[in-house]
N, C-alpha and C. Protein backbone atom coordinates (compact mmCIF):
# COMPACT_ATOMS: atom_id res chain seq x y z
N MET A 1 0.86 -1.19 0.00
CA MET A 1 0.00 0.00 0.00
C MET A 1 0.90 1.24 0.00
N ASP A 2 0.65 2.14 -0.97
CA ASP A 2 1.49 3.33 -1.07
C ASP A 2 1.08 4.39 -0.05
N SER A 3 1.88 5.47 0.03
CA SER A 3 1.65 6.50 1.04
C SER A 3 0.33 7.24 0.81
N HIS A 4 -0.06 7.38 -0.46
CA HIS A 4 -1.33 8.07 -0.75
C HIS A 4 -2.52 7.28 -0.21
N SER A 5 -2.51 5.97 -0.39
CA SER A 5 -3.60 5.13 0.11
C SER A 5 -3.65 5.14 1.63
N ARG A 6 -2.45 5.13 2.26
CA ARG A 6 -2.42 5.18 3.72
C ARG A 6 -3.01 6.50 4.24
N MET A 7 -2.69 7.61 3.53
CA MET A 7 -3.21 8.92 3.95
C MET A 7 -4.74 8.97 3.83
N VAL A 8 -5.27 8.38 2.74
CA VAL A 8 -6.73 8.35 2.56
C VAL A 8 -7.38 7.53 3.66
N GLN A 9 -6.80 6.37 3.98
CA GLN A 9 -7.35 5.54 5.05
C GLN A 9 -7.31 6.28 6.40
N PHE A 10 -6.19 7.00 6.63
CA PHE A 10 -6.05 7.76 7.89
C PHE A 10 -7.10 8.87 8.00
N LEU A 11 -7.33 9.59 6.90
CA LEU A 11 -8.31 10.68 6.89
C LEU A 11 -9.74 10.15 7.04
N LYS A 12 -10.01 8.96 6.53
CA LYS A 12 -11.34 8.37 6.67
C LYS A 12 -11.69 8.15 8.14
N VAL A 13 -10.69 7.91 8.95
CA VAL A 13 -10.92 7.72 10.38
C VAL A 13 -10.87 9.07 11.11
N LEU A 14 -9.90 9.92 10.74
CA LEU A 14 -9.68 11.17 11.46
C LEU A 14 -10.82 12.17 11.28
N LEU A 15 -11.32 12.35 10.06
CA LEU A 15 -12.34 13.37 9.80
C LEU A 15 -13.67 13.09 10.52
N PRO A 16 -14.21 11.88 10.50
CA PRO A 16 -15.43 11.63 11.29
C PRO A 16 -15.22 11.85 12.79
N LEU A 17 -14.03 11.48 13.31
CA LEU A 17 -13.75 11.73 14.72
C LEU A 17 -13.73 13.22 15.03
N ALA A 18 -13.14 14.02 14.13
CA ALA A 18 -13.10 15.48 14.32
C ALA A 18 -14.51 16.07 14.30
N ALA A 19 -15.38 15.54 13.41
CA ALA A 19 -16.76 16.04 13.33
C ALA A 19 -17.52 15.72 14.62
N ILE A 20 -17.32 14.52 15.15
CA ILE A 20 -17.98 14.14 16.40
C ILE A 20 -17.49 15.03 17.54
N LEU A 21 -16.19 15.31 17.57
CA LEU A 21 -15.62 16.16 18.60
C LEU A 21 -16.20 17.58 18.54
N LEU A 22 -16.37 18.12 17.34
CA LEU A 22 -16.94 19.47 17.17
C LEU A 22 -18.40 19.50 17.64
N LEU A 23 -19.17 18.49 17.27
CA LEU A 23 -20.57 18.44 17.69
C LEU A 23 -20.68 18.33 19.21
N ALA A 24 -19.83 17.52 19.82
CA ALA A 24 -19.86 17.38 21.28
C ALA A 24 -19.51 18.71 21.95
N THR A 25 -18.56 19.44 21.37
CA THR A 25 -18.18 20.75 21.92
C THR A 25 -19.33 21.73 21.85
N VAL A 26 -20.07 21.74 20.73
CA VAL A 26 -21.21 22.63 20.58
C VAL A 26 -22.27 22.36 21.64
N PHE A 27 -22.58 21.09 21.87
CA PHE A 27 -23.59 20.75 22.87
C PHE A 27 -23.12 21.08 24.29
N LEU A 28 -21.84 20.87 24.56
CA LEU A 28 -21.31 21.18 25.89
C LEU A 28 -21.34 22.69 26.15
N LEU A 29 -20.98 23.47 25.15
CA LEU A 29 -20.99 24.93 25.31
C LEU A 29 -22.41 25.46 25.44
N SER A 30 -23.37 24.87 24.74
CA SER A 30 -24.74 25.36 24.79
C SER A 30 -25.35 25.19 26.18
N ARG A 31 -24.86 24.25 26.96
CA ARG A 31 -25.39 24.06 28.31
C ARG A 31 -24.99 25.19 29.24
N SER A 32 -23.88 25.85 28.95
CA SER A 32 -23.40 26.93 29.81
C SER A 32 -24.06 28.27 29.50
N ILE A 33 -24.85 28.36 28.44
CA ILE A 33 -25.51 29.61 28.08
C ILE A 33 -26.76 29.78 28.93
N GLU A 34 -26.96 30.99 29.44
CA GLU A 34 -28.13 31.28 30.29
C GLU A 34 -29.38 31.36 29.41
N THR A 35 -30.26 30.41 29.60
CA THR A 35 -31.50 30.39 28.81
C THR A 35 -32.70 30.91 29.59
N ASN A 36 -32.51 31.15 30.88
CA ASN A 36 -33.60 31.60 31.73
C ASN A 36 -33.57 33.13 31.85
N VAL A 37 -33.70 33.80 30.68
CA VAL A 37 -33.63 35.27 30.64
C VAL A 37 -35.02 35.84 30.91
N SER A 38 -35.09 36.83 31.79
CA SER A 38 -36.38 37.44 32.12
C SER A 38 -36.74 38.50 31.10
N VAL A 39 -38.00 38.59 30.73
CA VAL A 39 -38.49 39.60 29.80
C VAL A 39 -39.12 40.74 30.60
N PRO A 40 -39.13 41.97 30.05
CA PRO A 40 -39.66 43.11 30.82
C PRO A 40 -41.17 43.17 30.88
N PHE A 41 -41.86 42.07 30.65
CA PHE A 41 -43.31 42.02 30.70
C PHE A 41 -43.75 40.83 31.55
N THR A 42 -44.83 41.00 32.27
CA THR A 42 -45.39 39.87 32.99
C THR A 42 -46.19 39.01 32.02
N GLN A 43 -46.53 37.82 32.45
CA GLN A 43 -47.31 36.94 31.60
C GLN A 43 -48.66 37.56 31.26
N ARG A 44 -49.23 38.29 32.25
CA ARG A 44 -50.52 38.95 32.01
C ARG A 44 -50.38 40.05 30.96
N ASP A 45 -49.27 40.83 31.03
CA ASP A 45 -49.03 41.87 30.03
C ASP A 45 -48.94 41.27 28.63
N ILE A 46 -48.23 40.17 28.52
CA ILE A 46 -48.07 39.53 27.21
C ILE A 46 -49.42 39.04 26.69
N GLU A 47 -50.21 38.42 27.58
CA GLU A 47 -51.53 37.93 27.14
C GLU A 47 -52.43 39.07 26.71
N GLU A 48 -52.40 40.20 27.46
CA GLU A 48 -53.23 41.35 27.10
C GLU A 48 -52.78 41.95 25.76
N ARG A 49 -51.47 42.03 25.56
CA ARG A 49 -50.97 42.61 24.31
C ARG A 49 -51.33 41.73 23.12
N LEU A 50 -51.26 40.43 23.32
CA LEU A 50 -51.63 39.53 22.23
C LEU A 50 -53.13 39.58 21.95
N ALA A 51 -53.93 39.66 23.02
CA ALA A 51 -55.38 39.69 22.84
C ALA A 51 -55.84 41.00 22.22
N ASP A 52 -55.29 42.12 22.70
CA ASP A 52 -55.72 43.43 22.21
C ASP A 52 -54.88 43.95 21.06
N GLN A 53 -53.82 43.21 20.69
CA GLN A 53 -52.89 43.63 19.64
C GLN A 53 -52.33 45.02 19.95
N VAL A 54 -51.70 45.12 21.11
CA VAL A 54 -51.15 46.39 21.59
C VAL A 54 -49.76 46.61 21.01
N VAL A 55 -49.50 47.84 20.59
CA VAL A 55 -48.19 48.25 20.09
C VAL A 55 -47.63 49.28 21.06
N THR A 56 -46.37 49.12 21.46
CA THR A 56 -45.73 50.06 22.36
C THR A 56 -44.95 51.10 21.56
N LEU A 57 -45.08 52.37 21.95
CA LEU A 57 -44.39 53.51 21.34
C LEU A 57 -44.56 53.56 19.82
N PRO A 58 -45.81 53.56 19.33
CA PRO A 58 -46.00 53.71 17.87
C PRO A 58 -45.59 55.12 17.44
N ASN A 59 -45.11 55.24 16.22
CA ASN A 59 -44.60 56.52 15.71
C ASN A 59 -44.96 56.63 14.23
N TYR A 60 -45.73 57.67 13.89
CA TYR A 60 -46.11 57.91 12.50
C TYR A 60 -45.33 59.11 11.97
N LEU A 61 -44.66 58.95 10.84
CA LEU A 61 -43.95 60.04 10.20
C LEU A 61 -44.49 60.21 8.79
N GLY A 62 -44.82 61.44 8.43
CA GLY A 62 -45.35 61.70 7.09
C GLY A 62 -44.95 63.07 6.58
N THR A 63 -45.21 63.27 5.32
CA THR A 63 -44.92 64.55 4.67
C THR A 63 -46.15 64.97 3.88
N THR A 64 -46.50 66.25 3.99
CA THR A 64 -47.65 66.76 3.25
C THR A 64 -47.29 66.94 1.77
N ARG A 65 -48.28 67.28 0.99
CA ARG A 65 -48.04 67.50 -0.44
C ARG A 65 -47.12 68.68 -0.69
N LYS A 66 -47.04 69.61 0.30
CA LYS A 66 -46.15 70.77 0.19
C LYS A 66 -44.77 70.50 0.78
N GLY A 67 -44.55 69.33 1.30
CA GLY A 67 -43.26 68.99 1.88
C GLY A 67 -43.14 69.30 3.36
N GLU A 68 -44.25 69.63 4.02
CA GLU A 68 -44.22 69.89 5.46
C GLU A 68 -44.25 68.56 6.22
N SER A 69 -43.61 68.53 7.37
CA SER A 69 -43.49 67.27 8.12
C SER A 69 -44.60 67.14 9.14
N ILE A 70 -45.06 65.91 9.31
CA ILE A 70 -46.06 65.57 10.33
C ILE A 70 -45.57 64.33 11.07
N GLN A 71 -45.50 64.43 12.38
CA GLN A 71 -45.11 63.30 13.21
C GLN A 71 -46.12 63.13 14.34
N ILE A 72 -46.57 61.90 14.52
CA ILE A 72 -47.52 61.59 15.59
C ILE A 72 -47.01 60.35 16.32
N GLU A 73 -46.99 60.43 17.65
CA GLU A 73 -46.52 59.30 18.44
C GLU A 73 -47.37 59.13 19.69
N ALA A 74 -47.22 57.99 20.33
CA ALA A 74 -47.98 57.69 21.54
C ALA A 74 -47.18 56.71 22.38
N THR A 75 -47.62 56.53 23.64
CA THR A 75 -46.93 55.56 24.48
C THR A 75 -47.35 54.13 24.15
N ARG A 76 -48.61 53.95 23.77
CA ARG A 76 -49.08 52.63 23.35
C ARG A 76 -50.35 52.78 22.53
N ALA A 77 -50.59 51.83 21.65
CA ALA A 77 -51.79 51.85 20.80
C ALA A 77 -52.38 50.45 20.76
N ALA A 78 -53.72 50.40 20.72
CA ALA A 78 -54.44 49.13 20.64
C ALA A 78 -55.19 49.06 19.33
N GLN A 79 -55.18 47.88 18.73
CA GLN A 79 -55.82 47.70 17.43
C GLN A 79 -57.33 47.90 17.51
N GLY A 80 -57.92 47.56 18.63
CA GLY A 80 -59.37 47.66 18.75
C GLY A 80 -60.07 46.41 18.27
N THR A 81 -61.38 46.38 18.39
CA THR A 81 -62.18 45.24 17.98
C THR A 81 -63.02 45.61 16.77
N GLU A 82 -63.90 44.71 16.38
CA GLU A 82 -64.76 44.98 15.23
C GLU A 82 -65.66 46.18 15.47
N ASN A 83 -66.07 46.40 16.71
CA ASN A 83 -66.98 47.50 17.02
C ASN A 83 -66.28 48.74 17.56
N ALA A 84 -64.97 48.69 17.71
CA ALA A 84 -64.22 49.82 18.26
C ALA A 84 -63.06 50.18 17.34
N VAL A 85 -62.77 51.48 17.25
CA VAL A 85 -61.68 51.94 16.40
C VAL A 85 -60.36 51.84 17.17
N PRO A 86 -59.22 51.77 16.47
CA PRO A 86 -57.94 51.73 17.15
C PRO A 86 -57.70 53.02 17.94
N THR A 87 -57.18 52.90 19.16
CA THR A 87 -56.92 54.07 19.99
C THR A 87 -55.49 54.02 20.51
N ALA A 88 -54.98 55.21 20.90
CA ALA A 88 -53.62 55.31 21.43
C ALA A 88 -53.64 56.21 22.66
N ALA A 89 -52.73 55.95 23.60
CA ALA A 89 -52.64 56.74 24.82
C ALA A 89 -51.48 57.73 24.73
N ASP A 90 -51.63 58.87 25.43
CA ASP A 90 -50.61 59.93 25.41
C ASP A 90 -50.27 60.31 23.97
N PHE A 91 -51.28 60.77 23.28
CA PHE A 91 -51.18 61.07 21.85
C PHE A 91 -50.49 62.42 21.67
N GLN A 92 -49.43 62.46 20.88
CA GLN A 92 -48.68 63.69 20.65
C GLN A 92 -48.38 63.86 19.17
N GLY A 93 -48.43 65.12 18.71
CA GLY A 93 -48.14 65.39 17.31
C GLY A 93 -47.32 66.64 17.13
N ARG A 94 -46.57 66.68 16.04
CA ARG A 94 -45.79 67.85 15.66
C ARG A 94 -45.97 68.09 14.18
N MET A 95 -46.30 69.33 13.84
CA MET A 95 -46.46 69.72 12.44
C MET A 95 -45.43 70.80 12.11
N GLY A 96 -44.49 70.47 11.25
CA GLY A 96 -43.45 71.41 10.86
C GLY A 96 -43.91 72.24 9.67
N LEU A 97 -44.03 73.55 9.85
CA LEU A 97 -44.53 74.43 8.80
C LEU A 97 -43.41 74.79 7.83
N SER A 98 -43.80 75.17 6.62
CA SER A 98 -42.82 75.50 5.58
C SER A 98 -42.02 76.75 5.91
N ASP A 99 -42.56 77.64 6.78
CA ASP A 99 -41.84 78.86 7.15
C ASP A 99 -40.93 78.66 8.35
N GLY A 100 -40.78 77.41 8.80
CA GLY A 100 -39.92 77.11 9.93
C GLY A 100 -40.65 77.02 11.26
N GLY A 101 -41.92 77.40 11.30
CA GLY A 101 -42.70 77.33 12.53
C GLY A 101 -43.10 75.90 12.86
N MET A 102 -43.69 75.74 14.04
CA MET A 102 -44.09 74.41 14.50
C MET A 102 -45.40 74.50 15.26
N ILE A 103 -46.29 73.54 15.03
CA ILE A 103 -47.50 73.38 15.82
C ILE A 103 -47.35 72.05 16.55
N THR A 104 -47.43 72.10 17.89
CA THR A 104 -47.35 70.88 18.68
C THR A 104 -48.72 70.57 19.26
N LEU A 105 -49.06 69.29 19.32
CA LEU A 105 -50.37 68.83 19.77
C LEU A 105 -50.17 67.75 20.83
N ASP A 106 -50.88 67.89 21.95
CA ASP A 106 -50.81 66.90 23.02
C ASP A 106 -52.22 66.58 23.50
N SER A 107 -52.48 65.32 23.80
CA SER A 107 -53.79 64.92 24.32
C SER A 107 -53.66 63.63 25.12
N ASN A 108 -54.71 63.31 25.87
CA ASN A 108 -54.72 62.08 26.66
C ASN A 108 -54.73 60.84 25.78
N SER A 109 -55.50 60.88 24.71
CA SER A 109 -55.61 59.73 23.82
C SER A 109 -55.92 60.23 22.41
N GLY A 110 -56.02 59.30 21.50
CA GLY A 110 -56.33 59.69 20.12
C GLY A 110 -56.35 58.49 19.22
N MET A 111 -56.56 58.76 17.97
CA MET A 111 -56.58 57.70 16.96
C MET A 111 -56.07 58.25 15.65
N ILE A 112 -55.43 57.41 14.88
CA ILE A 112 -54.90 57.81 13.59
C ILE A 112 -55.48 56.88 12.53
N ARG A 113 -55.92 57.48 11.42
CA ARG A 113 -56.51 56.71 10.32
C ARG A 113 -55.77 57.04 9.02
N PRO A 114 -54.65 56.37 8.75
CA PRO A 114 -53.90 56.65 7.52
C PRO A 114 -54.73 56.40 6.26
N ASP A 115 -55.71 55.46 6.35
CA ASP A 115 -56.55 55.19 5.18
C ASP A 115 -57.45 56.38 4.84
N LYS A 116 -57.76 57.22 5.85
CA LYS A 116 -58.59 58.41 5.62
C LYS A 116 -57.79 59.71 5.74
N ASN A 117 -56.47 59.57 5.94
CA ASN A 117 -55.60 60.74 6.10
C ASN A 117 -56.05 61.65 7.24
N THR A 118 -56.45 61.05 8.37
CA THR A 118 -56.91 61.85 9.51
C THR A 118 -56.28 61.34 10.81
N ALA A 119 -56.19 62.26 11.77
CA ALA A 119 -55.80 61.92 13.13
C ALA A 119 -56.69 62.72 14.06
N THR A 120 -57.14 62.11 15.15
CA THR A 120 -58.04 62.76 16.10
C THR A 120 -57.40 62.74 17.48
N PHE A 121 -57.32 63.92 18.11
CA PHE A 121 -56.78 64.08 19.45
C PHE A 121 -57.95 64.26 20.42
N VAL A 122 -57.97 63.47 21.50
CA VAL A 122 -59.13 63.43 22.40
C VAL A 122 -58.67 63.62 23.85
N GLY A 123 -59.36 64.51 24.57
CA GLY A 123 -59.15 64.67 26.01
C GLY A 123 -57.98 65.56 26.38
N ASP A 124 -58.29 66.71 27.00
CA ASP A 124 -57.25 67.66 27.44
C ASP A 124 -56.26 67.97 26.32
N VAL A 125 -56.80 68.35 25.18
CA VAL A 125 -55.96 68.65 24.01
C VAL A 125 -55.30 70.02 24.21
N VAL A 126 -53.99 70.08 24.01
CA VAL A 126 -53.23 71.34 24.09
C VAL A 126 -52.56 71.57 22.75
N ILE A 127 -52.86 72.72 22.15
CA ILE A 127 -52.30 73.09 20.84
C ILE A 127 -51.38 74.29 21.07
N THR A 128 -50.13 74.16 20.71
CA THR A 128 -49.14 75.22 20.93
C THR A 128 -48.46 75.56 19.61
N THR A 129 -48.29 76.87 19.36
CA THR A 129 -47.59 77.32 18.16
C THR A 129 -46.31 78.05 18.56
N THR A 130 -45.35 78.10 17.65
CA THR A 130 -44.08 78.75 17.95
C THR A 130 -44.20 80.27 18.05
N ASP A 131 -45.32 80.85 17.59
CA ASP A 131 -45.48 82.30 17.72
C ASP A 131 -46.25 82.69 18.98
N GLY A 132 -46.39 81.77 19.94
CA GLY A 132 -46.88 82.13 21.26
C GLY A 132 -48.34 81.91 21.55
N ILE A 133 -49.03 81.12 20.75
CA ILE A 133 -50.44 80.82 21.01
C ILE A 133 -50.55 79.43 21.64
N GLU A 134 -51.33 79.33 22.72
CA GLU A 134 -51.62 78.04 23.34
C GLU A 134 -53.12 77.91 23.51
N VAL A 135 -53.68 76.85 22.98
CA VAL A 135 -55.13 76.63 22.97
C VAL A 135 -55.41 75.28 23.61
N THR A 136 -56.45 75.21 24.45
CA THR A 136 -56.88 73.94 25.03
C THR A 136 -58.32 73.66 24.60
N THR A 137 -58.63 72.40 24.39
CA THR A 137 -59.97 71.98 23.99
C THR A 137 -60.13 70.50 24.32
N ASP A 138 -61.31 69.95 24.01
CA ASP A 138 -61.59 68.55 24.30
C ASP A 138 -61.35 67.62 23.12
N LEU A 139 -61.46 68.16 21.89
CA LEU A 139 -61.37 67.32 20.70
C LEU A 139 -60.79 68.12 19.55
N LEU A 140 -59.85 67.51 18.84
CA LEU A 140 -59.23 68.15 17.67
C LEU A 140 -59.11 67.13 16.55
N ASN A 141 -59.62 67.49 15.38
CA ASN A 141 -59.48 66.66 14.18
C ASN A 141 -58.42 67.29 13.28
N THR A 142 -57.47 66.48 12.80
CA THR A 142 -56.43 67.00 11.92
C THR A 142 -56.30 66.12 10.69
N ALA A 143 -55.65 66.68 9.68
CA ALA A 143 -55.36 65.95 8.45
C ALA A 143 -53.93 65.44 8.49
N LEU A 144 -53.63 64.43 7.69
CA LEU A 144 -52.28 63.90 7.59
C LEU A 144 -51.61 64.27 6.27
N ASP A 145 -52.40 64.71 5.29
CA ASP A 145 -51.83 65.05 3.99
C ASP A 145 -51.63 66.55 3.79
N GLU A 146 -52.02 67.36 4.80
CA GLU A 146 -51.81 68.80 4.77
C GLU A 146 -51.91 69.33 6.19
N ILE A 147 -51.43 70.57 6.39
CA ILE A 147 -51.53 71.19 7.71
C ILE A 147 -52.93 71.78 7.83
N ARG A 148 -53.81 71.03 8.50
CA ARG A 148 -55.20 71.45 8.63
C ARG A 148 -55.81 70.77 9.83
N GLY A 149 -56.69 71.52 10.56
CA GLY A 149 -57.36 70.94 11.70
C GLY A 149 -58.54 71.77 12.14
N ASP A 150 -59.41 71.18 12.96
CA ASP A 150 -60.56 71.92 13.48
C ASP A 150 -61.02 71.31 14.79
N THR A 151 -61.60 72.16 15.63
CA THR A 151 -62.18 71.73 16.89
C THR A 151 -63.69 71.91 16.81
N PRO A 152 -64.47 70.86 16.95
CA PRO A 152 -65.92 71.01 16.88
C PRO A 152 -66.52 71.69 18.10
N GLY A 153 -65.74 71.81 19.18
CA GLY A 153 -66.25 72.40 20.42
C GLY A 153 -65.47 73.61 20.85
N GLN A 154 -65.79 74.11 22.04
CA GLN A 154 -65.20 75.34 22.57
C GLN A 154 -63.70 75.19 22.80
N VAL A 155 -62.99 76.33 22.62
CA VAL A 155 -61.56 76.38 22.89
C VAL A 155 -61.28 77.51 23.88
N ASN A 156 -60.26 77.33 24.69
CA ASN A 156 -59.74 78.37 25.57
C ASN A 156 -58.28 78.57 25.21
N GLY A 157 -57.84 79.82 25.19
CA GLY A 157 -56.47 80.04 24.78
C GLY A 157 -55.85 81.28 25.34
N THR A 158 -54.57 81.39 25.09
CA THR A 158 -53.81 82.57 25.46
C THR A 158 -52.82 82.87 24.34
N GLY A 159 -52.56 84.16 24.14
CA GLY A 159 -51.65 84.57 23.09
C GLY A 159 -50.93 85.84 23.46
N ILE A 160 -50.28 86.47 22.49
CA ILE A 160 -49.49 87.65 22.78
C ILE A 160 -50.35 88.87 23.13
N ILE A 161 -51.65 88.83 22.81
CA ILE A 161 -52.50 89.98 23.12
C ILE A 161 -53.43 89.72 24.30
N GLY A 162 -53.46 88.49 24.84
CA GLY A 162 -54.31 88.23 25.99
C GLY A 162 -54.94 86.84 25.97
N ASP A 163 -55.91 86.63 26.85
CA ASP A 163 -56.63 85.37 26.95
C ASP A 163 -57.93 85.45 26.16
N PHE A 164 -58.37 84.31 25.63
CA PHE A 164 -59.57 84.32 24.80
C PHE A 164 -60.29 82.98 24.88
N THR A 165 -61.56 83.00 24.50
CA THR A 165 -62.36 81.79 24.32
C THR A 165 -63.09 81.90 22.99
N ALA A 166 -63.45 80.77 22.43
CA ALA A 166 -64.19 80.77 21.16
C ALA A 166 -64.99 79.48 21.08
N GLY A 167 -66.06 79.52 20.32
CA GLY A 167 -66.89 78.33 20.15
C GLY A 167 -66.26 77.29 19.25
N ARG A 168 -65.30 77.74 18.40
CA ARG A 168 -64.71 76.81 17.45
C ARG A 168 -63.39 77.38 16.94
N MET A 169 -62.48 76.51 16.54
CA MET A 169 -61.21 76.93 15.97
C MET A 169 -60.88 76.06 14.76
N THR A 170 -60.35 76.67 13.73
CA THR A 170 -59.83 75.94 12.58
C THR A 170 -58.45 76.49 12.25
N PHE A 171 -57.61 75.66 11.65
CA PHE A 171 -56.33 76.15 11.14
C PHE A 171 -56.01 75.46 9.83
N GLY A 172 -55.30 76.18 8.97
CA GLY A 172 -54.95 75.67 7.66
C GLY A 172 -54.57 76.81 6.74
N THR A 173 -54.40 76.50 5.47
CA THR A 173 -54.04 77.52 4.49
C THR A 173 -55.28 77.91 3.69
N GLU A 174 -55.37 79.20 3.36
CA GLU A 174 -56.47 79.67 2.52
C GLU A 174 -56.18 79.40 1.05
N LYS A 175 -54.90 79.42 0.68
CA LYS A 175 -54.48 79.10 -0.68
C LYS A 175 -53.49 77.95 -0.62
N ASN A 176 -53.31 77.27 -1.75
CA ASN A 176 -52.45 76.09 -1.77
C ASN A 176 -51.04 76.37 -1.27
N ASP A 177 -50.47 77.50 -1.68
CA ASP A 177 -49.10 77.82 -1.29
C ASP A 177 -49.04 78.90 -0.22
N GLY A 178 -50.16 79.22 0.39
CA GLY A 178 -50.21 80.29 1.38
C GLY A 178 -49.77 79.84 2.76
N PRO A 179 -49.61 80.80 3.68
CA PRO A 179 -49.23 80.46 5.06
C PRO A 179 -50.40 79.86 5.83
N VAL A 180 -50.09 79.23 6.94
CA VAL A 180 -51.11 78.63 7.81
C VAL A 180 -51.72 79.72 8.68
N HIS A 181 -53.06 79.80 8.69
CA HIS A 181 -53.79 80.75 9.51
C HIS A 181 -54.61 80.00 10.54
N ILE A 182 -54.77 80.59 11.73
CA ILE A 182 -55.66 80.05 12.76
C ILE A 182 -56.86 80.97 12.85
N LEU A 183 -58.06 80.40 12.76
CA LEU A 183 -59.30 81.17 12.74
C LEU A 183 -60.18 80.75 13.92
N PHE A 184 -60.59 81.72 14.72
CA PHE A 184 -61.49 81.48 15.85
C PHE A 184 -62.86 82.06 15.50
N THR A 185 -63.93 81.26 15.72
CA THR A 185 -65.29 81.68 15.35
C THR A 185 -66.27 81.29 16.45
N ASP A 186 -67.53 81.60 16.22
CA ASP A 186 -68.65 81.21 17.09
C ASP A 186 -68.52 81.82 18.49
N GLY A 187 -68.58 83.13 18.56
CA GLY A 187 -68.59 83.82 19.84
C GLY A 187 -67.23 83.97 20.47
N VAL A 188 -66.34 84.70 19.81
CA VAL A 188 -64.99 84.91 20.34
C VAL A 188 -65.02 85.98 21.43
N LYS A 189 -64.40 85.68 22.57
CA LYS A 189 -64.28 86.64 23.67
C LYS A 189 -62.81 86.79 24.01
N LEU A 190 -62.31 88.03 24.00
CA LEU A 190 -60.90 88.30 24.23
C LEU A 190 -60.74 89.24 25.41
N ILE A 191 -59.85 88.88 26.33
CA ILE A 191 -59.45 89.78 27.41
C ILE A 191 -58.11 90.38 26.99
N TYR A 192 -58.16 91.62 26.52
CA TYR A 192 -56.98 92.27 25.97
C TYR A 192 -56.04 92.70 27.08
N GLU A 193 -54.77 92.34 26.96
CA GLU A 193 -53.75 92.69 27.95
C GLU A 193 -52.61 93.43 27.25
N PRO A 194 -52.65 94.76 27.26
CA PRO A 194 -51.63 95.54 26.54
C PRO A 194 -50.20 95.24 26.99
N GLU A 195 -50.02 94.92 28.27
CA GLU A 195 -48.67 94.68 28.75
C GLU A 195 -48.03 93.47 28.07
N LYS A 196 -48.85 92.49 27.61
CA LYS A 196 -48.31 91.33 26.91
C LYS A 196 -47.71 91.74 25.57
N THR A 197 -48.36 92.68 24.86
CA THR A 197 -47.87 93.10 23.55
C THR A 197 -46.63 93.95 23.67
N GLU A 198 -46.41 94.55 24.82
CA GLU A 198 -45.25 95.43 25.00
C GLU A 198 -43.99 94.67 25.37
N ARG A 199 -44.12 93.39 25.72
CA ARG A 199 -42.94 92.61 26.14
C ARG A 199 -42.05 92.34 24.95
């Protein structure tokens, strides 16, 4: 038998032994790995999330037809059932205007409907603009494809000229490329404070 045949016979024995040794090493090492890792949710939390299809920290990012940015986020959102719409808790939104301004929206809860290009803010809604207007209301409907919104109910607010109330508020552009205007209607009452305008 020549040296080549001896080498082949030797490798026929050596290679299967090496494979067995590698497999045994893998199984021995796997036993030392910690498999009892705790998850940051209780079993009840997991069951509720699976049943209600809950999403943690959902975040919606969009751009209007004019290139303005819209971002809406929440701490958690539930898919809802056949008879209930999806809802989210701690609903917050930011609308970046083309002139560099910003409208921020905060509420207790809300819902977003990308299929209808709408978002609704519900409960203790606070609307703040970068030019110093802060408005509170119970319900605010907004669009997702443009900077537009309206409150079907009363609003209370404060601005650079004083405190005011109104039966309704809308905001949006009057023309396609125009600036965003806020309009208060249905019985506007203003407490004029000259000292605010002088600051």
